[in-house]
Structure formats: C-alpha cells, structure tokens
Amino acid sequence: MPFAQVYLLEGRTEQQKRAVIEKVTLALTEALGAPKENVRVWIHDVPKENWGIAGVSAKDLGR
C-alpha cells in the first residue's frame, strides 16, 4: 500500500488540498501500478512559524 506524506505551509484551500491528493494518487498509481484504492495521501499543514528557510521562519519572511 503506497503511503505519501506531503508537507505544506498552512493556508492552502480545501480545493487545493483535494487537487494534491488526486494528483499524488494518480502519480503513484501510474508509477507503481498500484490500485488507487490502495494509495494513501497524508497532508501535513505546518504552521508558518514552524517552517524555517535559511535560518528564518516562513512567518518572519512573510510567506
């Protein structure tokens, strides 16, 4: 059973997350030949203050 974890900065819409789930599922199905019913996708919404870029939080960078 393929299991994908996707880490994103918080703030994506529900529609965007649905698109990610759909496209990641399709990619794994095509690449591995796994039935889509067996594919699992987990999206982690990471708070901007918990995501660092070049030593600075994404929140402080205005991302």
PDB file of N, CA and C in Angstrom:
ATOM      1  N   MET A   1       0.834  -1.165   0.000  1.00  0.00           N
ATOM      2  CA  MET A   1       0.000   0.000   0.000  1.00  0.00           C
ATOM      3  C   MET A   1       0.889   1.242   0.000  1.00  0.00           C
ATOM      4  N   PRO A   2       0.956   1.989  -1.089  1.00  0.00           N
ATOM      5  CA  PRO A   2       1.741   3.230  -1.120  1.00  0.00           C
ATOM      6  C   PRO A   2       1.149   4.277  -0.178  1.00  0.00           C
ATOM      7  N   PHE A   3       2.039   4.947   0.542  1.00  0.00           N
ATOM      8  CA  PHE A   3       1.630   5.971   1.500  1.00  0.00           C
ATOM      9  C   PHE A   3       2.511   7.190   1.286  1.00  0.00           C
ATOM     10  N   ALA A   4       1.908   8.319   0.896  1.00  0.00           N
ATOM     11  CA  ALA A   4       2.663   9.549   0.641  1.00  0.00           C
ATOM     12  C   ALA A   4       2.337  10.585   1.702  1.00  0.00           C
ATOM     13  N   GLN A   5       3.374  11.254   2.187  1.00  0.00           N
ATOM     14  CA  GLN A   5       3.192  12.360   3.122  1.00  0.00           C
ATOM     15  C   GLN A   5       3.644  13.641   2.430  1.00  0.00           C
ATOM     16  N   VAL A   6       2.805  14.657   2.495  1.00  0.00           N
ATOM     17  CA  VAL A   6       3.090  15.932   1.837  1.00  0.00           C
ATOM     18  C   VAL A   6       3.070  17.018   2.913  1.00  0.00           C
ATOM     19  N   TYR A   7       4.153  17.755   3.013  1.00  0.00           N
ATOM     20  CA  TYR A   7       4.246  18.841   3.977  1.00  0.00           C
ATOM     21  C   TYR A   7       4.046  20.160   3.251  1.00  0.00           C
ATOM     22  N   LEU A   8       3.086  20.954   3.725  1.00  0.00           N
ATOM     23  CA  LEU A   8       2.782  22.248   3.130  1.00  0.00           C
ATOM     24  C   LEU A   8       2.693  23.308   4.220  1.00  0.00           C
ATOM     25  N   LEU A   9       3.064  24.531   3.871  1.00  0.00           N
ATOM     26  CA  LEU A   9       2.790  25.620   4.790  1.00  0.00           C
ATOM     27  C   LEU A   9       1.290  25.800   4.890  1.00  0.00           C
ATOM     28  N   GLU A  10       0.822  26.100   6.084  1.00  0.00           N
ATOM     29  CA  GLU A  10      -0.605  26.301   6.282  1.00  0.00           C
ATOM     30  C   GLU A  10      -1.136  27.393   5.354  1.00  0.00           C
ATOM     31  N   GLY A  11      -2.433  27.326   5.081  1.00  0.00           N
ATOM     32  CA  GLY A  11      -3.055  28.382   4.292  1.00  0.00           C
ATOM     33  C   GLY A  11      -3.593  27.928   2.941  1.00  0.00           C
ATOM     34  N   ARG A  12      -3.357  26.678   2.564  1.00  0.00           N
ATOM     35  CA  ARG A  12      -3.904  26.184   1.302  1.00  0.00           C
ATOM     36  C   ARG A  12      -5.404  25.954   1.446  1.00  0.00           C
ATOM     37  N   THR A  13      -6.130  26.128   0.359  1.00  0.00           N
ATOM     38  CA  THR A  13      -7.572  25.924   0.393  1.00  0.00           C
ATOM     39  C   THR A  13      -7.895  24.440   0.359  1.00  0.00           C
ATOM     40  N   GLU A  14      -9.117  24.118   0.730  1.00  0.00           N
ATOM     41  CA  GLU A  14      -9.568  22.732   0.669  1.00  0.00           C
ATOM     42  C   GLU A  14      -9.518  22.225  -0.769  1.00  0.00           C
ATOM     43  N   GLN A  15      -9.849  23.083  -1.719  1.00  0.00           N
ATOM     44  CA  GLN A  15      -9.799  22.708  -3.138  1.00  0.00           C
ATOM     45  C   GLN A  15      -8.369  22.380  -3.563  1.00  0.00           C
ATOM     46  N   GLN A  16      -7.405  23.156  -3.131  1.00  0.00           N
ATOM     47  CA  GLN A  16      -6.004  22.887  -3.460  1.00  0.00           C
ATOM     48  C   GLN A  16      -5.555  21.556  -2.863  1.00  0.00           C
ATOM     49  N   LYS A  17      -5.956  21.291  -1.635  1.00  0.00           N
ATOM     50  CA  LYS A  17      -5.581  20.032  -0.991  1.00  0.00           C
ATOM     51  C   LYS A  17      -6.218  18.843  -1.703  1.00  0.00           C
ATOM     52  N   ARG A  18      -7.447  18.987  -2.140  1.00  0.00           N
ATOM     53  CA  ARG A  18      -8.086  17.918  -2.913  1.00  0.00           C
ATOM     54  C   ARG A  18      -7.312  17.639  -4.193  1.00  0.00           C
ATOM     55  N   ALA A  19      -6.854  18.716  -4.853  1.00  0.00           N
ATOM     56  CA  ALA A  19      -6.090  18.554  -6.090  1.00  0.00           C
ATOM     57  C   ALA A  19      -4.772  17.827  -5.818  1.00  0.00           C
ATOM     58  N   VAL A  20      -4.107  18.158  -4.712  1.00  0.00           N
ATOM     59  CA  VAL A  20      -2.858  17.484  -4.352  1.00  0.00           C
ATOM     60  C   VAL A  20      -3.117  16.001  -4.127  1.00  0.00           C
ATOM     61  N   ILE A  21      -4.154  15.684  -3.364  1.00  0.00           N
ATOM     62  CA  ILE A  21      -4.480  14.280  -3.083  1.00  0.00           C
ATOM     63  C   ILE A  21      -4.751  13.534  -4.382  1.00  0.00           C
ATOM     64  N   GLU A  22      -5.525  14.145  -5.266  1.00  0.00           N
ATOM     65  CA  GLU A  22      -5.860  13.496  -6.538  1.00  0.00           C
ATOM     66  C   GLU A  22      -4.620  13.262  -7.396  1.00  0.00           C
ATOM     67  N   LYS A  23      -3.766  14.277  -7.514  1.00  0.00           N
ATOM     68  CA  LYS A  23      -2.610  14.173  -8.410  1.00  0.00           C
ATOM     69  C   LYS A  23      -1.508  13.271  -7.845  1.00  0.00           C
ATOM     70  N   VAL A  24      -1.319  13.297  -6.539  1.00  0.00           N
ATOM     71  CA  VAL A  24      -0.332  12.397  -5.932  1.00  0.00           C
ATOM     72  C   VAL A  24      -0.807  10.953  -6.081  1.00  0.00           C
ATOM     73  N   THR A  25      -2.096  10.727  -5.868  1.00  0.00           N
ATOM     74  CA  THR A  25      -2.653   9.389  -6.050  1.00  0.00           C
ATOM     75  C   THR A  25      -2.452   8.917  -7.479  1.00  0.00           C
ATOM     76  N   LEU A  26      -2.744   9.763  -8.447  1.00  0.00           N
ATOM     77  CA  LEU A  26      -2.564   9.400  -9.855  1.00  0.00           C
ATOM     78  C   LEU A  26      -1.096   9.089 -10.167  1.00  0.00           C
ATOM     79  N   ALA A  27      -0.190   9.919  -9.651  1.00  0.00           N
ATOM     80  CA  ALA A  27       1.240   9.695  -9.902  1.00  0.00           C
ATOM     81  C   ALA A  27       1.701   8.353  -9.344  1.00  0.00           C
ATOM     82  N   LEU A  28       1.286   8.016  -8.133  1.00  0.00           N
ATOM     83  CA  LEU A  28       1.690   6.745  -7.544  1.00  0.00           C
ATOM     84  C   LEU A  28       1.053   5.567  -8.273  1.00  0.00           C
ATOM     85  N   THR A  29      -0.172   5.744  -8.689  1.00  0.00           N
ATOM     86  CA  THR A  29      -0.848   4.683  -9.446  1.00  0.00           C
ATOM     87  C   THR A  29      -0.122   4.422 -10.759  1.00  0.00           C
ATOM     88  N   GLU A  30       0.231   5.490 -11.466  1.00  0.00           N
ATOM     89  CA  GLU A  30       0.928   5.342 -12.747  1.00  0.00           C
ATOM     90  C   GLU A  30       2.345   4.794 -12.568  1.00  0.00           C
ATOM     91  N   ALA A  31       3.070   5.307 -11.578  1.00  0.00           N
ATOM     92  CA  ALA A  31       4.471   4.912 -11.392  1.00  0.00           C
ATOM     93  C   ALA A  31       4.625   3.500 -10.844  1.00  0.00           C
ATOM     94  N   LEU A  32       3.705   3.097  -9.968  1.00  0.00           N
ATOM     95  CA  LEU A  32       3.860   1.820  -9.283  1.00  0.00           C
ATOM     96  C   LEU A  32       2.889   0.743  -9.742  1.00  0.00           C
ATOM     97  N   GLY A  33       1.877   1.160 -10.484  1.00  0.00           N
ATOM     98  CA  GLY A  33       0.860   0.199 -10.892  1.00  0.00           C
ATOM     99  C   GLY A  33      -0.047  -0.226  -9.756  1.00  0.00           C
ATOM    100  N   ALA A  34      -0.044   0.546  -8.685  1.00  0.00           N
ATOM    101  CA  ALA A  34      -0.892   0.228  -7.528  1.00  0.00           C
ATOM    102  C   ALA A  34      -2.326   0.667  -7.801  1.00  0.00           C
ATOM    103  N   PRO A  35      -3.293  -0.109  -7.360  1.00  0.00           N
ATOM    104  CA  PRO A  35      -4.676   0.336  -7.489  1.00  0.00           C
ATOM    105  C   PRO A  35      -4.895   1.602  -6.655  1.00  0.00           C
ATOM    106  N   LYS A  36      -5.641   2.554  -7.194  1.00  0.00           N
ATOM    107  CA  LYS A  36      -5.820   3.811  -6.466  1.00  0.00           C
ATOM    108  C   LYS A  36      -6.496   3.604  -5.114  1.00  0.00           C
ATOM    109  N   GLU A  37      -7.268   2.552  -4.983  1.00  0.00           N
ATOM    110  CA  GLU A  37      -7.922   2.256  -3.709  1.00  0.00           C
ATOM    111  C   GLU A  37      -6.909   1.928  -2.605  1.00  0.00           C
ATOM    112  N   ASN A  38      -5.698   1.580  -3.004  1.00  0.00           N
ATOM    113  CA  ASN A  38      -4.659   1.236  -2.028  1.00  0.00           C
ATOM    114  C   ASN A  38      -3.740   2.402  -1.681  1.00  0.00           C
ATOM    115  N   VAL A  39      -3.870   3.518  -2.396  1.00  0.00           N
ATOM    116  CA  VAL A  39      -2.985   4.664  -2.185  1.00  0.00           C
ATOM    117  C   VAL A  39      -3.521   5.539  -1.053  1.00  0.00           C
ATOM    118  N   ARG A  40      -2.621   5.951  -0.161  1.00  0.00           N
ATOM    119  CA  ARG A  40      -2.962   6.843   0.943  1.00  0.00           C
ATOM    120  C   ARG A  40      -2.111   8.100   0.823  1.00  0.00           C
ATOM    121  N   VAL A  41      -2.719   9.256   1.032  1.00  0.00           N
ATOM    122  CA  VAL A  41      -2.009  10.537   0.995  1.00  0.00           C
ATOM    123  C   VAL A  41      -2.341  11.287   2.283  1.00  0.00           C
ATOM    124  N   TRP A  42      -1.305  11.749   2.952  1.00  0.00           N
ATOM    125  CA  TRP A  42      -1.476  12.489   4.194  1.00  0.00           C
ATOM    126  C   TRP A  42      -0.846  13.863   4.019  1.00  0.00           C
ATOM    127  N   ILE A  43      -1.653  14.903   4.160  1.00  0.00           N
ATOM    128  CA  ILE A  43      -1.156  16.275   4.060  1.00  0.00           C
ATOM    129  C   ILE A  43      -0.920  16.814   5.468  1.00  0.00           C
ATOM    130  N   HIS A  44       0.287  17.287   5.694  1.00  0.00           N
ATOM    131  CA  HIS A  44       0.647  17.928   6.954  1.00  0.00           C
ATOM    132  C   HIS A  44       0.600  19.442   6.728  1.00  0.00           C
ATOM    133  N   ASP A  45      -0.299  20.134   7.393  1.00  0.00           N
ATOM    134  CA  ASP A  45      -0.309  21.598   7.362  1.00  0.00           C
ATOM    135  C   ASP A  45       0.637  22.082   8.456  1.00  0.00           C
ATOM    136  N   VAL A  46       1.718  22.694   8.060  1.00  0.00           N
ATOM    137  CA  VAL A  46       2.725  23.133   9.017  1.00  0.00           C
ATOM    138  C   VAL A  46       2.542  24.627   9.288  1.00  0.00           C
ATOM    139  N   PRO A  47       2.425  25.016  10.548  1.00  0.00           N
ATOM    140  CA  PRO A  47       2.338  26.437  10.862  1.00  0.00           C
ATOM    141  C   PRO A  47       3.584  27.170  10.355  1.00  0.00           C
ATOM    142  N   LYS A  48       3.389  28.367   9.851  1.00  0.00           N
ATOM    143  CA  LYS A  48       4.492  29.122   9.243  1.00  0.00           C
ATOM    144  C   LYS A  48       5.627  29.397  10.222  1.00  0.00           C
ATOM    145  N   GLU A  49       5.291  29.518  11.505  1.00  0.00           N
ATOM    146  CA  GLU A  49       6.353  29.758  12.489  1.00  0.00           C
ATOM    147  C   GLU A  49       7.160  28.503  12.774  1.00  0.00           C
ATOM    148  N   ASN A  50       6.689  27.338  12.298  1.00  0.00           N
ATOM    149  CA  ASN A  50       7.409  26.079  12.494  1.00  0.00           C
ATOM    150  C   ASN A  50       8.195  25.651  11.264  1.00  0.00           C
ATOM    151  N   TRP A  51       8.278  26.470  10.241  1.00  0.00           N
ATOM    152  CA  TRP A  51       8.955  26.139   8.991  1.00  0.00           C
ATOM    153  C   TRP A  51      10.097  27.130   8.807  1.00  0.00           C
ATOM    154  N   GLY A  52      11.324  26.631   8.782  1.00  0.00           N
ATOM    155  CA  GLY A  52      12.462  27.517   8.643  1.00  0.00           C
ATOM    156  C   GLY A  52      13.048  27.515   7.239  1.00  0.00           C
ATOM    157  N   ILE A  53      13.435  28.688   6.783  1.00  0.00           N
ATOM    158  CA  ILE A  53      14.079  28.858   5.476  1.00  0.00           C
ATOM    159  C   ILE A  53      15.301  29.742   5.695  1.00  0.00           C
ATOM    160  N   ALA A  54      16.467  29.186   5.444  1.00  0.00           N
ATOM    161  CA  ALA A  54      17.720  29.918   5.580  1.00  0.00           C
ATOM    162  C   ALA A  54      17.867  30.554   6.969  1.00  0.00           C
ATOM    163  N   GLY A  55      17.436  29.824   7.992  1.00  0.00           N
ATOM    164  CA  GLY A  55      17.612  30.295   9.354  1.00  0.00           C
ATOM    165  C   GLY A  55      16.531  31.232   9.869  1.00  0.00           C
ATOM    166  N   VAL A  56      15.471  31.434   9.074  1.00  0.00           N
ATOM    167  CA  VAL A  56      14.402  32.342   9.467  1.00  0.00           C
ATOM    168  C   VAL A  56      13.077  31.625   9.268  1.00  0.00           C
ATOM    169  N   SER A  57      12.113  31.879  10.148  1.00  0.00           N
ATOM    170  CA  SER A  57      10.809  31.228   9.981  1.00  0.00           C
ATOM    171  C   SER A  57      10.095  31.792   8.756  1.00  0.00           C
ATOM    172  N   ALA A  58       9.270  30.958   8.166  1.00  0.00           N
ATOM    173  CA  ALA A  58       8.493  31.388   6.991  1.00  0.00           C
ATOM    174  C   ALA A  58       7.563  32.545   7.369  1.00  0.00           C
ATOM    175  N   LYS A  59       7.082  32.526   8.596  1.00  0.00           N
ATOM    176  CA  LYS A  59       6.213  33.625   9.068  1.00  0.00           C
ATOM    177  C   LYS A  59       6.981  34.952   9.059  1.00  0.00           C
ATOM    178  N   ASP A  60       8.206  34.931   9.588  1.00  0.00           N
ATOM    179  CA  ASP A  60       9.015  36.156   9.619  1.00  0.00           C
ATOM    180  C   ASP A  60       9.403  36.608   8.217  1.00  0.00           C
ATOM    181  N   LEU A  61       9.458  35.671   7.284  1.00  0.00           N
ATOM    182  CA  LEU A  61       9.771  36.033   5.891  1.00  0.00           C
ATOM    183  C   LEU A  61       8.541  36.507   5.122  1.00  0.00           C
ATOM    184  N   GLY A  62       7.370  36.412   5.761  1.00  0.00           N
ATOM    185  CA  GLY A  62       6.147  36.861   5.103  1.00  0.00           C
ATOM    186  C   GLY A  62       5.633  35.886   4.069  1.00  0.00           C
ATOM    187  N   ARG A  63       5.931  34.602   4.228  1.00  0.00           N
ATOM    188  CA  ARG A  63       5.490  33.609   3.266  1.00  0.00           C
ATOM    189  C   ARG A  63       4.102  33.150   3.533  1.00  0.00           C
TER     190      ARG A  63
END
